[in-house]
PDB file of N, CA and C in Angstrom:
ATOM      1  N   MET A   1       0.694  -1.126  -0.081  1.00  0.00           N
ATOM      2  CA  MET A   1      -0.117   0.198   0.146  1.00  0.00           C
ATOM      3  C   MET A   1       0.772   1.275  -0.018  1.00  0.00           C
ATOM      4  N   ILE A   2       0.563   2.245  -0.820  1.00  0.00           N
ATOM      5  CA  ILE A   2       1.291   3.523  -0.911  1.00  0.00           C
ATOM      6  C   ILE A   2       1.015   4.444   0.344  1.00  0.00           C
ATOM      7  N   ASN A   3       2.030   4.983   0.881  1.00  0.00           N
ATOM      8  CA  ASN A   3       1.754   5.924   2.035  1.00  0.00           C
ATOM      9  C   ASN A   3       1.515   7.231   1.352  1.00  0.00           C
ATOM     10  N   LEU A   4       0.552   7.768   1.373  1.00  0.00           N
ATOM     11  CA  LEU A   4       0.114   9.009   0.786  1.00  0.00           C
ATOM     12  C   LEU A   4       1.084  10.148   1.306  1.00  0.00           C
ATOM     13  N   ASN A   5       1.486  10.273   2.605  1.00  0.00           N
ATOM     14  CA  ASN A   5       2.318  11.405   2.994  1.00  0.00           C
ATOM     15  C   ASN A   5       3.781  11.102   2.163  1.00  0.00           C
ATOM     16  N   THR A   6       4.311   9.919   2.200  1.00  0.00           N
ATOM     17  CA  THR A   6       5.547   9.595   1.582  1.00  0.00           C
ATOM     18  C   THR A   6       5.256   9.879   0.136  1.00  0.00           C
ATOM     19  N   HIS A   7       4.260   9.594  -0.597  1.00  0.00           N
ATOM     20  CA  HIS A   7       4.107   9.857  -2.025  1.00  0.00           C
ATOM     21  C   HIS A   7       4.103  11.423  -2.198  1.00  0.00           C
ATOM     22  N   ILE A   8       3.432  12.228  -1.270  1.00  0.00           N
ATOM     23  CA  ILE A   8       3.373  13.692  -1.525  1.00  0.00           C
ATOM     24  C   ILE A   8       4.752  14.221  -1.480  1.00  0.00           C
ATOM     25  N   MET A   9       5.652  13.771  -0.395  1.00  0.00           N
ATOM     26  CA  MET A   9       6.856  14.294  -0.221  1.00  0.00           C
ATOM     27  C   MET A   9       7.926  13.828  -1.342  1.00  0.00           C
ATOM     28  N   ASP A  10       7.592  12.750  -1.951  1.00  0.00           N
ATOM     29  CA  ASP A  10       8.426  12.173  -3.117  1.00  0.00           C
ATOM     30  C   ASP A  10       8.093  13.257  -4.270  1.00  0.00           C
ATOM     31  N   ILE A  11       6.971  13.666  -4.471  1.00  0.00           N
ATOM     32  CA  ILE A  11       6.348  14.376  -5.595  1.00  0.00           C
ATOM     33  C   ILE A  11       7.019  15.889  -5.314  1.00  0.00           C
ATOM     34  N   GLN A  12       7.010  16.334  -4.046  1.00  0.00           N
ATOM     35  CA  GLN A  12       7.540  17.587  -3.841  1.00  0.00           C
ATOM     36  C   GLN A  12       9.024  17.651  -3.847  1.00  0.00           C
ATOM     37  N   SER A  13       9.720  16.681  -3.573  1.00  0.00           N
ATOM     38  CA  SER A  13      11.045  16.654  -3.598  1.00  0.00           C
ATOM     39  C   SER A  13      11.503  16.491  -5.266  1.00  0.00           C
ATOM     40  N   LEU A  14      10.710  15.737  -6.071  1.00  0.00           N
ATOM     41  CA  LEU A  14      10.853  15.771  -7.578  1.00  0.00           C
ATOM     42  C   LEU A  14      10.899  17.056  -8.156  1.00  0.00           C
ATOM     43  N   LYS A  15       9.775  17.767  -7.784  1.00  0.00           N
ATOM     44  CA  LYS A  15       9.457  19.161  -8.155  1.00  0.00           C
ATOM     45  C   LYS A  15      10.658  19.935  -7.840  1.00  0.00           C
ATOM     46  N   ILE A  16      11.204  20.111  -6.735  1.00  0.00           N
ATOM     47  CA  ILE A  16      12.238  20.936  -6.291  1.00  0.00           C
ATOM     48  C   ILE A  16      13.747  20.455  -7.157  1.00  0.00           C
ATOM     49  N   ASP A  17      13.806  19.218  -7.409  1.00  0.00           N
ATOM     50  CA  ASP A  17      14.814  18.892  -7.981  1.00  0.00           C
ATOM     51  C   ASP A  17      14.801  19.083  -9.670  1.00  0.00           C
ATOM     52  N   LEU A  18      13.621  19.124 -10.067  1.00  0.00           N
ATOM     53  CA  LEU A  18      13.674  19.555 -11.415  1.00  0.00           C
ATOM     54  C   LEU A  18      13.595  21.053 -11.625  1.00  0.00           C
ATOM     55  N   ALA A  19      13.120  21.873 -10.670  1.00  0.00           N
ATOM     56  CA  ALA A  19      13.182  23.037 -10.842  1.00  0.00           C
ATOM     57  C   ALA A  19      14.630  23.764 -10.764  1.00  0.00           C
ATOM     58  N   GLN A  20      15.285  23.003  -9.891  1.00  0.00           N
ATOM     59  CA  GLN A  20      16.776  23.208  -9.806  1.00  0.00           C
ATOM     60  C   GLN A  20      17.464  22.987 -11.044  1.00  0.00           C
ATOM     61  N   LYS A  21      17.194  21.900 -11.631  1.00  0.00           N
ATOM     62  CA  LYS A  21      17.936  21.460 -12.797  1.00  0.00           C
ATOM     63  C   LYS A  21      17.470  22.413 -14.011  1.00  0.00           C
ATOM     64  N   ILE A  22      16.313  22.909 -14.196  1.00  0.00           N
ATOM     65  CA  ILE A  22      15.821  23.675 -14.965  1.00  0.00           C
ATOM     66  C   ILE A  22      16.622  25.023 -14.859  1.00  0.00           C
ATOM     67  N   LEU A  23      16.788  25.506 -13.643  1.00  0.00           N
ATOM     68  CA  LEU A  23      17.464  26.865 -13.382  1.00  0.00           C
ATOM     69  C   LEU A  23      18.927  26.695 -13.718  1.00  0.00           C
ATOM     70  N   ARG A  24      19.498  25.611 -13.492  1.00  0.00           N
ATOM     71  CA  ARG A  24      20.963  25.594 -13.908  1.00  0.00           C
ATOM     72  C   ARG A  24      21.288  25.156 -15.350  1.00  0.00           C
ATOM     73  N   THR A  25      20.265  24.740 -16.131  1.00  0.00           N
ATOM     74  CA  THR A  25      20.642  24.363 -17.445  1.00  0.00           C
ATOM     75  C   THR A  25      20.790  25.719 -18.449  1.00  0.00           C
ATOM     76  N   ASN A  26      21.549  25.415 -19.461  1.00  0.00           N
ATOM     77  CA  ASN A  26      21.740  26.507 -20.497  1.00  0.00           C
ATOM     78  C   ASN A  26      21.550  26.084 -21.903  1.00  0.00           C
ATOM     79  N   LYS A  27      20.927  24.990 -21.814  1.00  0.00           N
ATOM     80  CA  LYS A  27      20.572  24.276 -23.040  1.00  0.00           C
ATOM     81  C   LYS A  27      19.235  24.606 -23.551  1.00  0.00           C
ATOM     82  N   PRO A  28      19.139  25.544 -24.494  1.00  0.00           N
ATOM     83  CA  PRO A  28      17.775  26.022 -24.992  1.00  0.00           C
ATOM     84  C   PRO A  28      16.872  24.705 -25.510  1.00  0.00           C
ATOM     85  N   GLU A  29      17.529  23.731 -26.151  1.00  0.00           N
ATOM     86  CA  GLU A  29      16.689  22.582 -26.823  1.00  0.00           C
ATOM     87  C   GLU A  29      16.068  21.750 -25.523  1.00  0.00           C
ATOM     88  N   LEU A  30      16.809  21.689 -24.371  1.00  0.00           N
ATOM     89  CA  LEU A  30      16.216  21.042 -23.275  1.00  0.00           C
ATOM     90  C   LEU A  30      15.144  21.871 -22.673  1.00  0.00           C
ATOM     91  N   LEU A  31      15.250  23.202 -22.637  1.00  0.00           N
ATOM     92  CA  LEU A  31      14.150  23.953 -22.185  1.00  0.00           C
ATOM     93  C   LEU A  31      12.936  23.908 -23.049  1.00  0.00           C
ATOM     94  N   GLU A  32      13.198  23.980 -24.340  1.00  0.00           N
ATOM     95  CA  GLU A  32      12.096  23.928 -25.319  1.00  0.00           C
ATOM     96  C   GLU A  32      11.307  22.624 -25.125  1.00  0.00           C
ATOM     97  N   GLU A  33      11.895  21.490 -24.812  1.00  0.00           N
ATOM     98  CA  GLU A  33      11.394  20.298 -24.839  1.00  0.00           C
ATOM     99  C   GLU A  33      10.511  20.191 -23.490  1.00  0.00           C
ATOM    100  N   VAL A  34      11.032  20.880 -22.491  1.00  0.00           N
ATOM    101  CA  VAL A  34      10.340  20.844 -21.047  1.00  0.00           C
ATOM    102  C   VAL A  34       9.113  21.676 -21.136  1.00  0.00           C
ATOM    103  N   ASN A  35       9.252  22.664 -21.936  1.00  0.00           N
ATOM    104  CA  ASN A  35       7.981  23.550 -22.373  1.00  0.00           C
ATOM    105  C   ASN A  35       7.038  23.015 -23.069  1.00  0.00           C
ATOM    106  N   ARG A  36       7.521  22.065 -24.318  1.00  0.00           N
ATOM    107  CA  ARG A  36       6.587  21.401 -24.953  1.00  0.00           C
ATOM    108  C   ARG A  36       5.871  20.427 -24.090  1.00  0.00           C
ATOM    109  N   LEU A  37       6.501  19.863 -23.332  1.00  0.00           N
ATOM    110  CA  LEU A  37       5.810  18.741 -22.454  1.00  0.00           C
ATOM    111  C   LEU A  37       4.726  19.330 -21.648  1.00  0.00           C
ATOM    112  N   PHE A  38       5.045  20.493 -21.158  1.00  0.00           N
ATOM    113  CA  PHE A  38       4.127  21.226 -20.342  1.00  0.00           C
ATOM    114  C   PHE A  38       2.848  21.706 -21.268  1.00  0.00           C
ATOM    115  N   ARG A  39       3.102  22.159 -22.260  1.00  0.00           N
ATOM    116  CA  ARG A  39       1.984  22.572 -23.248  1.00  0.00           C
ATOM    117  C   ARG A  39       1.228  21.455 -23.573  1.00  0.00           C
ATOM    118  N   ASN A  40       1.813  20.367 -23.847  1.00  0.00           N
ATOM    119  CA  ASN A  40       1.029  19.318 -24.400  1.00  0.00           C
ATOM    120  C   ASN A  40       0.294  18.489 -23.009  1.00  0.00           C
ATOM    121  N   GLU A  41       0.680  18.707 -21.826  1.00  0.00           N
ATOM    122  CA  GLU A  41       0.063  18.033 -20.650  1.00  0.00           C
ATOM    123  C   GLU A  41      -1.560  18.253 -20.694  1.00  0.00           C
ATOM    124  N   ASN A  42      -1.992  19.342 -21.214  1.00  0.00           N
ATOM    125  CA  ASN A  42      -3.344  19.829 -20.984  1.00  0.00           C
ATOM    126  C   ASN A  42      -4.326  18.668 -22.041  1.00  0.00           C
ATOM    127  N   GLY A  43      -3.528  18.326 -23.267  1.00  0.00           N
ATOM    128  CA  GLY A  43      -3.924  17.382 -24.040  1.00  0.00           C
ATOM    129  C   GLY A  43      -4.925  18.025 -25.076  1.00  0.00           C
ATOM    130  N   ASP A  44      -5.478  19.284 -25.002  1.00  0.00           N
ATOM    131  CA  ASP A  44      -6.220  19.962 -26.097  1.00  0.00           C
ATOM    132  C   ASP A  44      -5.517  21.153 -26.576  1.00  0.00           C
ATOM    133  N   ASP A  45      -4.262  21.295 -26.364  1.00  0.00           N
ATOM    134  CA  ASP A  45      -3.650  22.480 -27.042  1.00  0.00           C
ATOM    135  C   ASP A  45      -3.472  22.327 -28.316  1.00  0.00           C
ATOM    136  N   TRP A  46      -3.309  21.235 -29.104  1.00  0.00           N
ATOM    137  CA  TRP A  46      -3.237  21.042 -30.472  1.00  0.00           C
ATOM    138  C   TRP A  46      -4.540  21.417 -31.108  1.00  0.00           C
ATOM    139  N   TRP A  47      -5.656  21.393 -30.422  1.00  0.00           N
ATOM    140  CA  TRP A  47      -6.952  21.864 -31.021  1.00  0.00           C
ATOM    141  C   TRP A  47      -7.038  23.384 -31.226  1.00  0.00           C
ATOM    142  N   LYS A  48      -6.300  23.950 -30.127  1.00  0.00           N
ATOM    143  CA  LYS A  48      -6.493  25.406 -30.266  1.00  0.00           C
ATOM    144  C   LYS A  48      -5.579  26.022 -31.371  1.00  0.00           C
ATOM    145  N   GLU A  49      -4.462  25.241 -31.664  1.00  0.00           N
ATOM    146  CA  GLU A  49      -3.570  25.731 -32.655  1.00  0.00           C
ATOM    147  C   GLU A  49      -4.125  25.458 -34.229  1.00  0.00           C
ATOM    148  N   LEU A  50      -5.157  24.677 -34.279  1.00  0.00           N
ATOM    149  CA  LEU A  50      -5.687  24.493 -35.613  1.00  0.00           C
ATOM    150  C   LEU A  50      -6.508  25.568 -36.116  1.00  0.00           C
ATOM    151  N   PRO A  51      -6.452  25.822 -37.491  1.00  0.00           N
ATOM    152  CA  PRO A  51      -7.172  26.952 -37.900  1.00  0.00           C
ATOM    153  C   PRO A  51      -8.721  26.609 -37.914  1.00  0.00           C
ATOM    154  N   PRO A  52      -9.509  27.761 -37.640  1.00  0.00           N
ATOM    155  CA  PRO A  52     -11.053  27.453 -37.467  1.00  0.00           C
ATOM    156  C   PRO A  52     -11.629  26.683 -38.545  1.00  0.00           C
ATOM    157  N   GLU A  53     -10.980  26.773 -39.695  1.00  0.00           N
ATOM    158  CA  GLU A  53     -11.845  25.958 -40.820  1.00  0.00           C
ATOM    159  C   GLU A  53     -11.559  24.464 -40.664  1.00  0.00           C
ATOM    160  N   ILE A  54     -10.353  24.235 -40.108  1.00  0.00           N
ATOM    161  CA  ILE A  54     -10.092  22.670 -39.661  1.00  0.00           C
ATOM    162  C   ILE A  54     -10.783  22.237 -38.548  1.00  0.00           C
ATOM    163  N   GLN A  55     -11.129  23.021 -37.702  1.00  0.00           N
ATOM    164  CA  GLN A  55     -11.724  22.640 -36.282  1.00  0.00           C
ATOM    165  C   GLN A  55     -13.192  22.495 -36.822  1.00  0.00           C
ATOM    166  N   ASN A  56     -13.666  23.376 -37.620  1.00  0.00           N
ATOM    167  CA  ASN A  56     -15.154  23.169 -37.964  1.00  0.00           C
ATOM    168  C   ASN A  56     -15.385  21.860 -38.901  1.00  0.00           C
ATOM    169  N   SER A  57     -14.280  21.437 -39.794  1.00  0.00           N
ATOM    170  CA  SER A  57     -14.379  20.362 -40.481  1.00  0.00           C
ATOM    171  C   SER A  57     -14.372  19.083 -39.668  1.00  0.00           C
ATOM    172  N   ILE A  58     -13.457  19.127 -38.654  1.00  0.00           N
ATOM    173  CA  ILE A  58     -13.510  17.974 -37.756  1.00  0.00           C
ATOM    174  C   ILE A  58     -14.600  17.767 -37.028  1.00  0.00           C
ATOM    175  N   THR A  59     -15.149  18.955 -36.609  1.00  0.00           N
ATOM    176  CA  THR A  59     -16.334  18.799 -35.625  1.00  0.00           C
ATOM    177  C   THR A  59     -17.661  18.320 -36.440  1.00  0.00           C
ATOM    178  N   GLN A  60     -17.625  18.952 -37.706  1.00  0.00           N
ATOM    179  CA  GLN A  60     -18.683  18.297 -38.675  1.00  0.00           C
ATOM    180  C   GLN A  60     -18.530  16.846 -38.866  1.00  0.00           C
ATOM    181  N   GLY A  61     -17.334  16.431 -39.105  1.00  0.00           N
ATOM    182  CA  GLY A  61     -17.240  14.870 -39.354  1.00  0.00           C
ATOM    183  C   GLY A  61     -17.432  14.074 -38.098  1.00  0.00           C
ATOM    184  N   LEU A  62     -17.308  14.630 -36.901  1.00  0.00           N
ATOM    185  CA  LEU A  62     -17.612  13.929 -35.737  1.00  0.00           C
ATOM    186  C   LEU A  62     -19.032  13.826 -35.585  1.00  0.00           C
ATOM    187  N   MET A  63     -19.764  15.000 -35.939  1.00  0.00           N
ATOM    188  CA  MET A  63     -21.298  14.903 -35.783  1.00  0.00           C
ATOM    189  C   MET A  63     -21.817  14.007 -36.726  1.00  0.00           C
ATOM    190  N   GLU A  64     -21.422  14.027 -37.919  1.00  0.00           N
ATOM    191  CA  GLU A  64     -21.892  13.032 -39.086  1.00  0.00           C
ATOM    192  C   GLU A  64     -21.626  11.460 -38.619  1.00  0.00           C
ATOM    193  N   SER A  65     -20.423  11.262 -37.957  1.00  0.00           N
ATOM    194  CA  SER A  65     -20.137   9.956 -37.612  1.00  0.00           C
ATOM    195  C   SER A  65     -21.112   9.617 -36.492  1.00  0.00           C
ATOM    196  N   GLU A  66     -21.324  10.563 -35.504  1.00  0.00           N
ATOM    197  CA  GLU A  66     -22.408  10.104 -34.539  1.00  0.00           C
ATOM    198  C   GLU A  66     -23.779   9.879 -34.981  1.00  0.00           C
ATOM    199  N   ASN A  67     -24.096  10.499 -36.031  1.00  0.00           N
ATOM    200  CA  ASN A  67     -25.371  10.484 -36.681  1.00  0.00           C
ATOM    201  C   ASN A  67     -25.306   9.279 -37.662  1.00  0.00           C
ATOM    202  N   ASP A  68     -24.453   8.343 -37.862  1.00  0.00           N
ATOM    203  CA  ASP A  68     -24.248   7.235 -38.764  1.00  0.00           C
ATOM    204  C   ASP A  68     -24.360   7.864 -40.308  1.00  0.00           C
ATOM    205  N   HIS A  69     -23.818   8.985 -40.484  1.00  0.00           N
ATOM    206  CA  HIS A  69     -23.819   9.615 -41.820  1.00  0.00           C
ATOM    207  C   HIS A  69     -22.286   9.257 -42.218  1.00  0.00           C
ATOM    208  N   VAL A  70     -22.079   7.939 -42.303  1.00  0.00           N
ATOM    209  CA  VAL A  70     -20.517   7.558 -42.718  1.00  0.00           C
ATOM    210  C   VAL A  70     -20.805   6.384 -43.797  1.00  0.00           C
ATOM    211  N   PHE A  71     -19.560   6.147 -44.576  1.00  0.00           N
ATOM    212  CA  PHE A  71     -19.483   5.058 -45.430  1.00  0.00           C
ATOM    213  C   PHE A  71     -18.468   4.079 -44.910  1.00  0.00           C
ATOM    214  N   ASP A  72     -18.871   2.748 -45.019  1.00  0.00           N
ATOM    215  CA  ASP A  72     -17.919   1.679 -44.348  1.00  0.00           C
ATOM    216  C   ASP A  72     -17.017   1.420 -45.727  1.00  0.00           C
ATOM    217  N   HIS A  73     -15.807   0.813 -45.293  1.00  0.00           N
ATOM    218  CA  HIS A  73     -14.822   0.644 -46.187  1.00  0.00           C
ATOM    219  C   HIS A  73     -15.213  -0.249 -47.396  1.00  0.00           C
ATOM    220  N   GLU A  74     -16.039  -1.106 -47.488  1.00  0.00           N
ATOM    221  CA  GLU A  74     -16.402  -1.852 -48.374  1.00  0.00           C
ATOM    222  C   GLU A  74     -17.456  -0.921 -49.455  1.00  0.00           C
ATOM    223  N   GLN A  75     -18.181  -0.128 -48.869  1.00  0.00           N
ATOM    224  CA  GLN A  75     -18.996   0.757 -49.656  1.00  0.00           C
ATOM    225  C   GLN A  75     -18.116   1.749 -50.457  1.00  0.00           C
ATOM    226  N   VAL A  76     -17.071   2.160 -49.872  1.00  0.00           N
ATOM    227  CA  VAL A  76     -16.088   3.128 -50.601  1.00  0.00           C
ATOM    228  C   VAL A  76     -15.393   2.487 -51.714  1.00  0.00           C
ATOM    229  N   VAL A  77     -14.858   1.202 -51.332  1.00  0.00           N
ATOM    230  CA  VAL A  77     -14.310   0.488 -52.421  1.00  0.00           C
ATOM    231  C   VAL A  77     -15.179   0.172 -53.567  1.00  0.00           C
ATOM    232  N   ARG A  78     -16.325  -0.202 -53.418  1.00  0.00           N
ATOM    233  CA  ARG A  78     -17.356  -0.601 -54.298  1.00  0.00           C
ATOM    234  C   ARG A  78     -17.565   0.676 -55.304  1.00  0.00           C
ATOM    235  N   GLU A  79     -17.889   1.776 -54.571  1.00  0.00           N
ATOM    236  CA  GLU A  79     -18.257   2.965 -55.279  1.00  0.00           C
ATOM    237  C   GLU A  79     -17.014   3.376 -56.198  1.00  0.00           C
ATOM    238  N   THR A  80     -15.917   3.363 -55.538  1.00  0.00           N
ATOM    239  CA  THR A  80     -14.631   3.684 -56.251  1.00  0.00           C
ATOM    240  C   THR A  80     -14.354   2.845 -57.612  1.00  0.00           C
ATOM    241  N   ARG A  81     -14.527   1.563 -57.319  1.00  0.00           N
ATOM    242  CA  ARG A  81     -14.478   0.648 -58.665  1.00  0.00           C
ATOM    243  C   ARG A  81     -15.600   0.895 -59.634  1.00  0.00           C
ATOM    244  N   GLU A  82     -16.593   1.110 -59.342  1.00  0.00           N
ATOM    245  CA  GLU A  82     -17.777   1.489 -60.160  1.00  0.00           C
ATOM    246  C   GLU A  82     -17.550   2.756 -60.851  1.00  0.00           C
ATOM    247  N   LYS A  83     -16.981   3.702 -60.187  1.00  0.00           N
ATOM    248  CA  LYS A  83     -16.749   5.214 -60.701  1.00  0.00           C
ATOM    249  C   LYS A  83     -15.476   5.020 -61.674  1.00  0.00           C
ATOM    250  N   TYR A  84     -14.448   4.406 -61.345  1.00  0.00           N
ATOM    251  CA  TYR A  84     -13.093   4.685 -61.911  1.00  0.00           C
ATOM    252  C   TYR A  84     -12.868   3.311 -62.630  1.00  0.00           C
ATOM    253  N   GLY A  85     -13.607   2.246 -62.513  1.00  0.00           N
ATOM    254  CA  GLY A  85     -13.298   1.018 -63.297  1.00  0.00           C
ATOM    255  C   GLY A  85     -12.134   0.288 -62.817  1.00  0.00           C
ATOM    256  N   PHE A  86     -11.851   0.059 -61.500  1.00  0.00           N
ATOM    257  CA  PHE A  86     -10.792  -0.603 -60.984  1.00  0.00           C
ATOM    258  C   PHE A  86     -11.112  -1.996 -61.028  1.00  0.00           C
TER     259      PHE A  86
END
């Protein structure tokens, strides 16, 4: 069983250690990587970086999928063969 107090102290120690390492480093690529990790931590940052028209297209596709307005693979292959004579 994990001791909660010990776990919290370990996390606090890790934070202090990381902060000290960040303050001591002069490697811009390392700092950029740490920064990227924190930006990605939220999980939805990539969404905010997409242009509005791409966001709208994805949202529309998701809504169509939820409403079963999709084509399965077999249907796409069949229609492609019919249209292009494959």
